[in-house]
């Protein structure tokens, strides 16, 4: 598969750390430590990060600066993680969430 990694952005820095494994919905993916989770998923061919609450429409990597909620996902059991900002770490477990997620998780 062609690497779809984002390498240039007018505002964000997508520097490459060491290559690390992480898990998206149980499947192993690879990314660069420290890059936004959403960028690593995009590079791996994942285009749908979440679904709109009201109509259930797919949402992808949109603003990339934490202003919208299109990238909210469950990360290591925590809901509503802004994956466009959250740095990738080795072994993370990432899942799509529907709706508002579990607001009590991680408390």
PDB file of N, CA and C in Angstrom:
ATOM      1  N   UNK A   1       0.829  -1.174   0.000  1.00  0.00           N
ATOM      2  CA  UNK A   1       0.000   0.000   0.000  1.00  0.00           C
ATOM      3  C   UNK A   1       0.878   1.242   0.000  1.00  0.00           C
ATOM      4  N   UNK A   2       0.490   2.246  -0.750  1.00  0.00           N
ATOM      5  CA  UNK A   2       1.216   3.501  -0.809  1.00  0.00           C
ATOM      6  C   UNK A   2       1.128   4.223   0.528  1.00  0.00           C
ATOM      7  N   UNK A   3       2.234   4.796   0.964  1.00  0.00           N
ATOM      8  CA  UNK A   3       2.251   5.549   2.217  1.00  0.00           C
ATOM      9  C   UNK A   3       1.571   6.894   1.986  1.00  0.00           C
ATOM     10  N   UNK A   4       0.512   7.145   2.707  1.00  0.00           N
ATOM     11  CA  UNK A   4      -0.261   8.378   2.568  1.00  0.00           C
ATOM     12  C   UNK A   4       0.084   9.380   3.659  1.00  0.00           C
ATOM     13  N   UNK A   5       1.297   9.262   4.186  1.00  0.00           N
ATOM     14  CA  UNK A   5       1.719  10.096   5.303  1.00  0.00           C
ATOM     15  C   UNK A   5       1.744  11.572   4.918  1.00  0.00           C
ATOM     16  N   UNK A   6       1.189  12.405   5.808  1.00  0.00           N
ATOM     17  CA  UNK A   6       1.217  13.855   5.627  1.00  0.00           C
ATOM     18  C   UNK A   6       2.596  14.330   6.050  1.00  0.00           C
ATOM     19  N   UNK A   7       3.289  15.023   5.174  1.00  0.00           N
ATOM     20  CA  UNK A   7       4.641  15.473   5.493  1.00  0.00           C
ATOM     21  C   UNK A   7       4.748  16.991   5.598  1.00  0.00           C
ATOM     22  N   UNK A   8       3.774  17.699   5.020  1.00  0.00           N
ATOM     23  CA  UNK A   8       3.810  19.159   5.070  1.00  0.00           C
ATOM     24  C   UNK A   8       2.433  19.702   5.415  1.00  0.00           C
ATOM     25  N   UNK A   9       2.420  20.724   6.271  1.00  0.00           N
ATOM     26  CA  UNK A   9       1.176  21.378   6.671  1.00  0.00           C
ATOM     27  C   UNK A   9       1.532  22.820   7.007  1.00  0.00           C
ATOM     28  N   UNK A  10       0.667  23.790   6.681  1.00  0.00           N
ATOM     29  CA  UNK A  10       1.023  25.188   6.931  1.00  0.00           C
ATOM     30  C   UNK A  10       1.157  25.560   8.405  1.00  0.00           C
ATOM     31  N   UNK A  11       0.553  24.793   9.309  1.00  0.00           N
ATOM     32  CA  UNK A  11       0.576  25.140  10.730  1.00  0.00           C
ATOM     33  C   UNK A  11       1.244  24.066  11.577  1.00  0.00           C
ATOM     34  N   UNK A  12       0.974  22.807  11.289  1.00  0.00           N
ATOM     35  CA  UNK A  12       1.424  21.704  12.123  1.00  0.00           C
ATOM     36  C   UNK A  12       2.763  21.150  11.690  1.00  0.00           C
ATOM     37  N   UNK A  13       3.485  20.576  12.643  1.00  0.00           N
ATOM     38  CA  UNK A  13       4.751  19.915  12.367  1.00  0.00           C
ATOM     39  C   UNK A  13       4.534  18.411  12.448  1.00  0.00           C
ATOM     40  N   UNK A  14       4.802  17.714  11.368  1.00  0.00           N
ATOM     41  CA  UNK A  14       4.652  16.262  11.336  1.00  0.00           C
ATOM     42  C   UNK A  14       6.027  15.609  11.278  1.00  0.00           C
ATOM     43  N   UNK A  15       6.846  15.897  12.284  1.00  0.00           N
ATOM     44  CA  UNK A  15       8.178  15.296  12.318  1.00  0.00           C
ATOM     45  C   UNK A  15       8.062  13.803  12.598  1.00  0.00           C
ATOM     46  N   UNK A  16       9.033  13.068  12.151  1.00  0.00           N
ATOM     47  CA  UNK A  16       9.004  11.612  12.293  1.00  0.00           C
ATOM     48  C   UNK A  16       9.882  11.142  13.427  1.00  0.00           C
ATOM     49  N   UNK A  17       9.258  10.471  14.392  1.00  0.00           N
ATOM     50  CA  UNK A  17      10.003   9.803  15.449  1.00  0.00           C
ATOM     51  C   UNK A  17      10.283   8.377  14.994  1.00  0.00           C
ATOM     52  N   UNK A  18      10.649   7.534  15.929  1.00  0.00           N
ATOM     53  CA  UNK A  18      10.908   6.131  15.569  1.00  0.00           C
ATOM     54  C   UNK A  18       9.595   5.447  15.170  1.00  0.00           C
ATOM     55  N   UNK A  19       9.691   4.455  14.361  1.00  0.00           N
ATOM     56  CA  UNK A  19       8.521   3.713  13.873  1.00  0.00           C
ATOM     57  C   UNK A  19       8.037   2.778  14.974  1.00  0.00           C
ATOM     58  N   UNK A  20       6.744   2.881  15.318  1.00  0.00           N
ATOM     59  CA  UNK A  20       6.194   2.091  16.419  1.00  0.00           C
ATOM     60  C   UNK A  20       4.869   1.445  16.006  1.00  0.00           C
ATOM     61  N   UNK A  21       4.552   0.285  16.604  1.00  0.00           N
ATOM     62  CA  UNK A  21       3.256  -0.339  16.341  1.00  0.00           C
ATOM     63  C   UNK A  21       2.177   0.246  17.252  1.00  0.00           C
ATOM     64  N   UNK A  22       0.944   0.275  16.743  1.00  0.00           N
ATOM     65  CA  UNK A  22      -0.224   0.610  17.551  1.00  0.00           C
ATOM     66  C   UNK A  22      -1.381  -0.191  16.982  1.00  0.00           C
ATOM     67  N   UNK A  23      -2.509  -0.188  17.647  1.00  0.00           N
ATOM     68  CA  UNK A  23      -3.633  -1.033  17.242  1.00  0.00           C
ATOM     69  C   UNK A  23      -4.868  -0.184  16.984  1.00  0.00           C
ATOM     70  N   UNK A  24      -5.447  -0.371  15.817  1.00  0.00           N
ATOM     71  CA  UNK A  24      -6.683   0.303  15.455  1.00  0.00           C
ATOM     72  C   UNK A  24      -7.759  -0.751  15.280  1.00  0.00           C
ATOM     73  N   UNK A  25      -8.732  -0.716  16.165  1.00  0.00           N
ATOM     74  CA  UNK A  25      -9.828  -1.683  16.163  1.00  0.00           C
ATOM     75  C   UNK A  25      -9.319  -3.121  16.075  1.00  0.00           C
ATOM     76  N   UNK A  26      -8.258  -3.377  16.858  1.00  0.00           N
ATOM     77  CA  UNK A  26      -7.700  -4.715  16.974  1.00  0.00           C
ATOM     78  C   UNK A  26      -6.669  -5.088  15.924  1.00  0.00           C
ATOM     79  N   UNK A  27      -6.505  -4.278  14.903  1.00  0.00           N
ATOM     80  CA  UNK A  27      -5.548  -4.576  13.833  1.00  0.00           C
ATOM     81  C   UNK A  27      -4.267  -3.774  14.058  1.00  0.00           C
ATOM     82  N   UNK A  28      -3.118  -4.415  13.845  1.00  0.00           N
ATOM     83  CA  UNK A  28      -1.845  -3.732  14.046  1.00  0.00           C
ATOM     84  C   UNK A  28      -1.567  -2.766  12.902  1.00  0.00           C
ATOM     85  N   UNK A  29      -1.179  -1.550  13.265  1.00  0.00           N
ATOM     86  CA  UNK A  29      -0.757  -0.513  12.330  1.00  0.00           C
ATOM     87  C   UNK A  29       0.608  -0.024  12.774  1.00  0.00           C
ATOM     88  N   UNK A  30       1.260   0.752  11.916  1.00  0.00           N
ATOM     89  CA  UNK A  30       2.553   1.331  12.257  1.00  0.00           C
ATOM     90  C   UNK A  30       2.493   2.829  12.026  1.00  0.00           C
ATOM     91  N   UNK A  31       3.151   3.564  12.888  1.00  0.00           N
ATOM     92  CA  UNK A  31       3.237   5.015  12.743  1.00  0.00           C
ATOM     93  C   UNK A  31       4.550   5.490  13.319  1.00  0.00           C
ATOM     94  N   UNK A  32       4.702   6.798  13.369  1.00  0.00           N
ATOM     95  CA  UNK A  32       5.919   7.384  13.924  1.00  0.00           C
ATOM     96  C   UNK A  32       5.601   7.996  15.282  1.00  0.00           C
ATOM     97  N   UNK A  33       6.365   7.592  16.263  1.00  0.00           N
ATOM     98  CA  UNK A  33       6.160   8.073  17.622  1.00  0.00           C
ATOM     99  C   UNK A  33       6.106   9.603  17.635  1.00  0.00           C
ATOM    100  N   UNK A  34       5.074  10.135  18.295  1.00  0.00           N
ATOM    101  CA  UNK A  34       4.941  11.577  18.418  1.00  0.00           C
ATOM    102  C   UNK A  34       4.074  12.238  17.369  1.00  0.00           C
ATOM    103  N   UNK A  35       3.840  11.558  16.245  1.00  0.00           N
ATOM    104  CA  UNK A  35       2.960  12.160  15.239  1.00  0.00           C
ATOM    105  C   UNK A  35       1.517  12.042  15.732  1.00  0.00           C
ATOM    106  N   UNK A  36       0.623  12.930  15.284  1.00  0.00           N
ATOM    107  CA  UNK A  36      -0.769  12.798  15.700  1.00  0.00           C
ATOM    108  C   UNK A  36      -1.341  11.436  15.302  1.00  0.00           C
ATOM    109  N   UNK A  37      -2.137  10.853  16.179  1.00  0.00           N
ATOM    110  CA  UNK A  37      -2.746   9.551  15.887  1.00  0.00           C
ATOM    111  C   UNK A  37      -3.501   9.601  14.566  1.00  0.00           C
ATOM    112  N   UNK A  38      -4.266  10.670  14.330  1.00  0.00           N
ATOM    113  CA  UNK A  38      -5.050  10.790  13.095  1.00  0.00           C
ATOM    114  C   UNK A  38      -4.149  10.770  11.864  1.00  0.00           C
ATOM    115  N   UNK A  39      -2.965  11.362  11.955  1.00  0.00           N
ATOM    116  CA  UNK A  39      -2.032  11.354  10.829  1.00  0.00           C
ATOM    117  C   UNK A  39      -1.524   9.938  10.561  1.00  0.00           C
ATOM    118  N   UNK A  40      -1.242   9.191  11.627  1.00  0.00           N
ATOM    119  CA  UNK A  40      -0.785   7.804  11.466  1.00  0.00           C
ATOM    120  C   UNK A  40      -1.884   6.949  10.844  1.00  0.00           C
ATOM    121  N   UNK A  41      -3.133   7.158  11.268  1.00  0.00           N
ATOM    122  CA  UNK A  41      -4.249   6.413  10.685  1.00  0.00           C
ATOM    123  C   UNK A  41      -4.435   6.780   9.218  1.00  0.00           C
ATOM    124  N   UNK A  42      -4.338   8.060   8.905  1.00  0.00           N
ATOM    125  CA  UNK A  42      -4.457   8.511   7.519  1.00  0.00           C
ATOM    126  C   UNK A  42      -3.388   7.845   6.651  1.00  0.00           C
ATOM    127  N   UNK A  43      -2.161   7.815   7.162  1.00  0.00           N
ATOM    128  CA  UNK A  43      -1.058   7.185   6.425  1.00  0.00           C
ATOM    129  C   UNK A  43      -1.323   5.704   6.192  1.00  0.00           C
ATOM    130  N   UNK A  44      -2.048   5.075   7.124  1.00  0.00           N
ATOM    131  CA  UNK A  44      -2.381   3.663   7.001  1.00  0.00           C
ATOM    132  C   UNK A  44      -3.637   3.393   6.178  1.00  0.00           C
ATOM    133  N   UNK A  45      -4.230   4.449   5.617  1.00  0.00           N
ATOM    134  CA  UNK A  45      -5.390   4.279   4.758  1.00  0.00           C
ATOM    135  C   UNK A  45      -6.743   4.407   5.444  1.00  0.00           C
ATOM    136  N   UNK A  46      -6.748   4.748   6.732  1.00  0.00           N
ATOM    137  CA  UNK A  46      -8.012   4.911   7.462  1.00  0.00           C
ATOM    138  C   UNK A  46      -8.526   6.323   7.214  1.00  0.00           C
ATOM    139  N   UNK A  47      -9.661   6.422   6.579  1.00  0.00           N
ATOM    140  CA  UNK A  47     -10.222   7.738   6.255  1.00  0.00           C
ATOM    141  C   UNK A  47     -11.398   8.119   7.152  1.00  0.00           C
ATOM    142  N   UNK A  48     -12.071   7.150   7.753  1.00  0.00           N
ATOM    143  CA  UNK A  48     -13.208   7.433   8.632  1.00  0.00           C
ATOM    144  C   UNK A  48     -12.740   7.308  10.074  1.00  0.00           C
ATOM    145  N   UNK A  49     -12.776   8.432  10.792  1.00  0.00           N
ATOM    146  CA  UNK A  49     -12.345   8.448  12.181  1.00  0.00           C
ATOM    147  C   UNK A  49     -13.517   8.346  13.145  1.00  0.00           C
ATOM    148  N   UNK A  50     -14.658   8.901  12.758  1.00  0.00           N
ATOM    149  CA  UNK A  50     -15.826   8.901  13.631  1.00  0.00           C
ATOM    150  C   UNK A  50     -17.081   9.048  12.772  1.00  0.00           C
ATOM    151  N   UNK A  51     -18.208   9.127  13.466  1.00  0.00           N
ATOM    152  CA  UNK A  51     -19.489   9.305  12.790  1.00  0.00           C
ATOM    153  C   UNK A  51     -20.235  10.438  13.482  1.00  0.00           C
ATOM    154  N   UNK A  52     -20.903  11.279  12.691  1.00  0.00           N
ATOM    155  CA  UNK A  52     -21.640  12.398  13.284  1.00  0.00           C
ATOM    156  C   UNK A  52     -22.719  11.865  14.212  1.00  0.00           C
ATOM    157  N   UNK A  53     -22.919  12.574  15.306  1.00  0.00           N
ATOM    158  CA  UNK A  53     -23.864  12.112  16.319  1.00  0.00           C
ATOM    159  C   UNK A  53     -25.300  12.104  15.801  1.00  0.00           C
ATOM    160  N   UNK A  54     -25.693  13.146  15.112  1.00  0.00           N
ATOM    161  CA  UNK A  54     -27.091  13.274  14.714  1.00  0.00           C
ATOM    162  C   UNK A  54     -27.470  12.371  13.539  1.00  0.00           C
ATOM    163  N   UNK A  55     -26.675  12.365  12.488  1.00  0.00           N
ATOM    164  CA  UNK A  55     -27.040  11.624  11.278  1.00  0.00           C
ATOM    165  C   UNK A  55     -26.205  10.362  11.045  1.00  0.00           C
ATOM    166  N   UNK A  56     -25.179  10.154  11.844  1.00  0.00           N
ATOM    167  CA  UNK A  56     -24.353   8.964  11.690  1.00  0.00           C
ATOM    168  C   UNK A  56     -23.474   8.974  10.454  1.00  0.00           C
ATOM    169  N   UNK A  57     -23.195  10.143   9.919  1.00  0.00           N
ATOM    170  CA  UNK A  57     -22.362  10.251   8.710  1.00  0.00           C
ATOM    171  C   UNK A  57     -20.883  10.116   9.065  1.00  0.00           C
ATOM    172  N   UNK A  58     -20.115   9.493   8.180  1.00  0.00           N
ATOM    173  CA  UNK A  58     -18.679   9.337   8.449  1.00  0.00           C
ATOM    174  C   UNK A  58     -17.965  10.684   8.449  1.00  0.00           C
ATOM    175  N   UNK A  59     -16.997  10.802   9.347  1.00  0.00           N
ATOM    176  CA  UNK A  59     -16.183  12.009   9.453  1.00  0.00           C
ATOM    177  C   UNK A  59     -14.714  11.610   9.381  1.00  0.00           C
ATOM    178  N   UNK A  60     -13.926  12.427   8.724  1.00  0.00           N
ATOM    179  CA  UNK A  60     -12.505  12.142   8.571  1.00  0.00           C
ATOM    180  C   UNK A  60     -11.634  13.196   9.214  1.00  0.00           C
ATOM    181  N   UNK A  61     -10.382  13.184   8.852  1.00  0.00           N
ATOM    182  CA  UNK A  61      -9.361  14.113   9.335  1.00  0.00           C
ATOM    183  C   UNK A  61      -9.719  15.486   8.772  1.00  0.00           C
ATOM    184  N   UNK A  62     -10.259  16.385   9.590  1.00  0.00           N
ATOM    185  CA  UNK A  62     -10.813  17.633   9.076  1.00  0.00           C
ATOM    186  C   UNK A  62      -9.956  18.850   9.416  1.00  0.00           C
ATOM    187  N   UNK A  63     -10.091  19.401  10.616  1.00  0.00           N
ATOM    188  CA  UNK A  63      -9.401  20.666  10.906  1.00  0.00           C
ATOM    189  C   UNK A  63      -7.928  20.465  11.269  1.00  0.00           C
ATOM    190  N   UNK A  64      -7.612  19.365  11.919  1.00  0.00           N
ATOM    191  CA  UNK A  64      -6.243  19.010  12.337  1.00  0.00           C
ATOM    192  C   UNK A  64      -5.642  19.970  13.357  1.00  0.00           C
ATOM    193  N   UNK A  65      -6.475  20.787  14.025  1.00  0.00           N
ATOM    194  CA  UNK A  65      -5.964  21.698  15.053  1.00  0.00           C
ATOM    195  C   UNK A  65      -6.796  21.653  16.332  1.00  0.00           C
ATOM    196  N   UNK A  66      -7.681  20.659  16.466  1.00  0.00           N
ATOM    197  CA  UNK A  66      -8.433  20.475  17.692  1.00  0.00           C
ATOM    198  C   UNK A  66      -9.683  21.317  17.855  1.00  0.00           C
ATOM    199  N   UNK A  67     -10.124  21.986  16.799  1.00  0.00           N
ATOM    200  CA  UNK A  67     -11.314  22.838  16.910  1.00  0.00           C
ATOM    201  C   UNK A  67     -12.623  22.108  16.661  1.00  0.00           C
ATOM    202  N   UNK A  68     -12.617  21.064  15.888  1.00  0.00           N
ATOM    203  CA  UNK A  68     -13.860  20.351  15.586  1.00  0.00           C
ATOM    204  C   UNK A  68     -13.885  19.045  16.390  1.00  0.00           C
ATOM    205  N   UNK A  69     -14.880  18.237  16.189  1.00  0.00           N
ATOM    206  CA  UNK A  69     -14.943  16.957  16.907  1.00  0.00           C
ATOM    207  C   UNK A  69     -14.881  15.768  15.949  1.00  0.00           C
ATOM    208  N   UNK A  70     -14.475  16.009  14.713  1.00  0.00           N
ATOM    209  CA  UNK A  70     -14.458  14.945  13.711  1.00  0.00           C
ATOM    210  C   UNK A  70     -13.479  13.827  14.037  1.00  0.00           C
ATOM    211  N   UNK A  71     -12.476  14.109  14.826  1.00  0.00           N
ATOM    212  CA  UNK A  71     -11.447  13.100  15.105  1.00  0.00           C
ATOM    213  C   UNK A  71     -11.591  12.468  16.481  1.00  0.00           C
ATOM    214  N   UNK A  72     -12.683  12.730  17.201  1.00  0.00           N
ATOM    215  CA  UNK A  72     -12.862  12.115  18.521  1.00  0.00           C
ATOM    216  C   UNK A  72     -12.866  10.596  18.382  1.00  0.00           C
ATOM    217  N   UNK A  73     -12.014   9.937  19.158  1.00  0.00           N
ATOM    218  CA  UNK A  73     -11.932   8.483  19.155  1.00  0.00           C
ATOM    219  C   UNK A  73     -11.669   8.008  20.571  1.00  0.00           C
ATOM    220  N   UNK A  74     -11.812   6.684  20.778  1.00  0.00           N
ATOM    221  CA  UNK A  74     -11.436   6.060  22.049  1.00  0.00           C
ATOM    222  C   UNK A  74      -9.970   5.653  21.939  1.00  0.00           C
ATOM    223  N   UNK A  75      -9.183   6.092  22.888  1.00  0.00           N
ATOM    224  CA  UNK A  75      -7.757   5.764  22.902  1.00  0.00           C
ATOM    225  C   UNK A  75      -7.426   5.183  24.268  1.00  0.00           C
ATOM    226  N   UNK A  76      -6.945   3.964  24.265  1.00  0.00           N
ATOM    227  CA  UNK A  76      -6.608   3.261  25.513  1.00  0.00           C
ATOM    228  C   UNK A  76      -7.759   3.326  26.513  1.00  0.00           C
ATOM    229  N   UNK A  77      -8.987   3.176  26.000  1.00  0.00           N
ATOM    230  CA  UNK A  77     -10.173   3.131  26.840  1.00  0.00           C
ATOM    231  C   UNK A  77     -10.792   4.469  27.178  1.00  0.00           C
ATOM    232  N   UNK A  78     -10.170   5.569  26.789  1.00  0.00           N
ATOM    233  CA  UNK A  78     -10.701   6.899  27.080  1.00  0.00           C
ATOM    234  C   UNK A  78     -11.456   7.446  25.871  1.00  0.00           C
ATOM    235  N   UNK A  79     -12.655   7.941  26.093  1.00  0.00           N
ATOM    236  CA  UNK A  79     -13.465   8.516  25.020  1.00  0.00           C
ATOM    237  C   UNK A  79     -13.064   9.959  24.741  1.00  0.00           C
ATOM    238  N   UNK A  80     -13.473  10.437  23.576  1.00  0.00           N
ATOM    239  CA  UNK A  80     -13.347  11.844  23.184  1.00  0.00           C
ATOM    240  C   UNK A  80     -11.916  12.360  23.131  1.00  0.00           C
ATOM    241  N   UNK A  81     -11.003  11.517  22.714  1.00  0.00           N
ATOM    242  CA  UNK A  81      -9.618  11.944  22.532  1.00  0.00           C
ATOM    243  C   UNK A  81      -9.518  12.605  21.161  1.00  0.00           C
ATOM    244  N   UNK A  82      -8.984  13.806  21.123  1.00  0.00           N
ATOM    245  CA  UNK A  82      -8.791  14.516  19.847  1.00  0.00           C
ATOM    246  C   UNK A  82      -7.537  13.932  19.180  1.00  0.00           C
ATOM    247  N   UNK A  83      -7.754  12.995  18.279  1.00  0.00           N
ATOM    248  CA  UNK A  83      -6.631  12.263  17.691  1.00  0.00           C
ATOM    249  C   UNK A  83      -5.810  13.107  16.723  1.00  0.00           C
ATOM    250  N   UNK A  84      -6.322  14.277  16.344  1.00  0.00           N
ATOM    251  CA  UNK A  84      -5.509  15.158  15.493  1.00  0.00           C
ATOM    252  C   UNK A  84      -4.405  15.832  16.308  1.00  0.00           C
ATOM    253  N   UNK A  85      -4.543  15.821  17.635  1.00  0.00           N
ATOM    254  CA  UNK A  85      -3.549  16.449  18.509  1.00  0.00           C
ATOM    255  C   UNK A  85      -2.786  15.447  19.367  1.00  0.00           C
ATOM    256  N   UNK A  86      -3.402  14.321  19.677  1.00  0.00           N
ATOM    257  CA  UNK A  86      -2.804  13.337  20.602  1.00  0.00           C
ATOM    258  C   UNK A  86      -1.611  12.640  19.949  1.00  0.00           C
ATOM    259  N   UNK A  87      -0.423  12.737  20.564  1.00  0.00           N
ATOM    260  CA  UNK A  87       0.761  12.093  19.990  1.00  0.00           C
ATOM    261  C   UNK A  87       0.683  10.565  20.086  1.00  0.00           C
ATOM    262  N   UNK A  88       1.130   9.933  19.047  1.00  0.00           N
ATOM    263  CA  UNK A  88       1.161   8.475  18.986  1.00  0.00           C
ATOM    264  C   UNK A  88       2.259   7.934  19.895  1.00  0.00           C
ATOM    265  N   UNK A  89       1.902   6.880  20.633  1.00  0.00           N
ATOM    266  CA  UNK A  89       2.864   6.163  21.469  1.00  0.00           C
ATOM    267  C   UNK A  89       2.784   4.681  21.120  1.00  0.00           C
ATOM    268  N   UNK A  90       3.843   4.003  21.350  1.00  0.00           N
ATOM    269  CA  UNK A  90       3.905   2.569  21.070  1.00  0.00           C
ATOM    270  C   UNK A  90       2.816   1.816  21.819  1.00  0.00           C
ATOM    271  N   UNK A  91       2.108   0.926  21.111  1.00  0.00           N
ATOM    272  CA  UNK A  91       1.135   0.041  21.735  1.00  0.00           C
ATOM    273  C   UNK A  91      -0.234   0.632  21.996  1.00  0.00           C
ATOM    274  N   UNK A  92      -0.469   1.874  21.608  1.00  0.00           N
ATOM    275  CA  UNK A  92      -1.791   2.483  21.844  1.00  0.00           C
ATOM    276  C   UNK A  92      -2.883   1.643  21.204  1.00  0.00           C
ATOM    277  N   UNK A  93      -4.053   1.661  21.825  1.00  0.00           N
ATOM    278  CA  UNK A  93      -5.228   0.978  21.290  1.00  0.00           C
ATOM    279  C   UNK A  93      -6.267   2.037  20.956  1.00  0.00           C
ATOM    280  N   UNK A  94      -6.572   2.149  19.666  1.00  0.00           N
ATOM    281  CA  UNK A  94      -7.436   3.199  19.148  1.00  0.00           C
ATOM    282  C   UNK A  94      -8.674   2.567  18.532  1.00  0.00           C
ATOM    283  N   UNK A  95      -9.838   3.153  18.827  1.00  0.00           N
ATOM    284  CA  UNK A  95     -11.104   2.653  18.286  1.00  0.00           C
ATOM    285  C   UNK A  95     -11.984   3.831  17.886  1.00  0.00           C
ATOM    286  N   UNK A  96     -12.794   3.625  16.865  1.00  0.00           N
ATOM    287  CA  UNK A  96     -13.805   4.625  16.541  1.00  0.00           C
ATOM    288  C   UNK A  96     -14.836   4.633  17.655  1.00  0.00           C
ATOM    289  N   UNK A  97     -15.426   5.776  17.880  1.00  0.00           N
ATOM    290  CA  UNK A  97     -16.533   5.845  18.831  1.00  0.00           C
ATOM    291  C   UNK A  97     -17.744   6.404  18.108  1.00  0.00           C
ATOM    292  N   UNK A  98     -18.889   5.976  18.549  1.00  0.00           N
ATOM    293  CA  UNK A  98     -20.154   6.501  18.012  1.00  0.00           C
ATOM    294  C   UNK A  98     -20.792   7.343  19.102  1.00  0.00           C
ATOM    295  N   UNK A  99     -21.328   8.471  18.690  1.00  0.00           N
ATOM    296  CA  UNK A  99     -21.985   9.342  19.653  1.00  0.00           C
ATOM    297  C   UNK A  99     -20.990  10.013  20.578  1.00  0.00           C
ATOM    298  N   UNK A 100     -21.438  10.271  21.795  1.00  0.00           N
ATOM    299  CA  UNK A 100     -20.641  11.015  22.767  1.00  0.00           C
ATOM    300  C   UNK A 100     -19.594  10.170  23.471  1.00  0.00           C
ATOM    301  N   UNK A 101     -19.622   8.876  23.271  1.00  0.00           N
ATOM    302  CA  UNK A 101     -18.652   8.011  23.934  1.00  0.00           C
ATOM    303  C   UNK A 101     -19.024   7.804  25.389  1.00  0.00           C
ATOM    304  N   UNK A 102     -18.203   7.064  26.088  1.00  0.00           N
ATOM    305  CA  UNK A 102     -18.425   6.774  27.500  1.00  0.00           C
ATOM    306  C   UNK A 102     -17.768   7.877  28.314  1.00  0.00           C
ATOM    307  N   UNK A 103     -18.570   8.803  28.821  1.00  0.00           N
ATOM    308  CA  UNK A 103     -18.040   9.955  29.527  1.00  0.00           C
ATOM    309  C   UNK A 103     -17.501   9.615  30.909  1.00  0.00           C
ATOM    310  N   UNK A 104     -17.809   8.414  31.422  1.00  0.00           N
ATOM    311  CA  UNK A 104     -17.317   8.028  32.744  1.00  0.00           C
ATOM    312  C   UNK A 104     -16.022   7.228  32.668  1.00  0.00           C
ATOM    313  N   UNK A 105     -15.623   6.793  31.481  1.00  0.00           N
ATOM    314  CA  UNK A 105     -14.422   5.972  31.335  1.00  0.00           C
ATOM    315  C   UNK A 105     -13.169   6.746  31.775  1.00  0.00           C
ATOM    316  N   UNK A 106     -12.309   6.074  32.451  1.00  0.00           N
ATOM    317  CA  UNK A 106     -11.038   6.647  32.869  1.00  0.00           C
ATOM    318  C   UNK A 106     -11.110   7.485  34.126  1.00  0.00           C
ATOM    319  N   UNK A 107     -12.273   7.556  34.761  1.00  0.00           N
ATOM    320  CA  UNK A 107     -12.395   8.375  35.975  1.00  0.00           C
ATOM    321  C   UNK A 107     -12.203   7.539  37.219  1.00  0.00           C
TER     322      UNK A 107
END
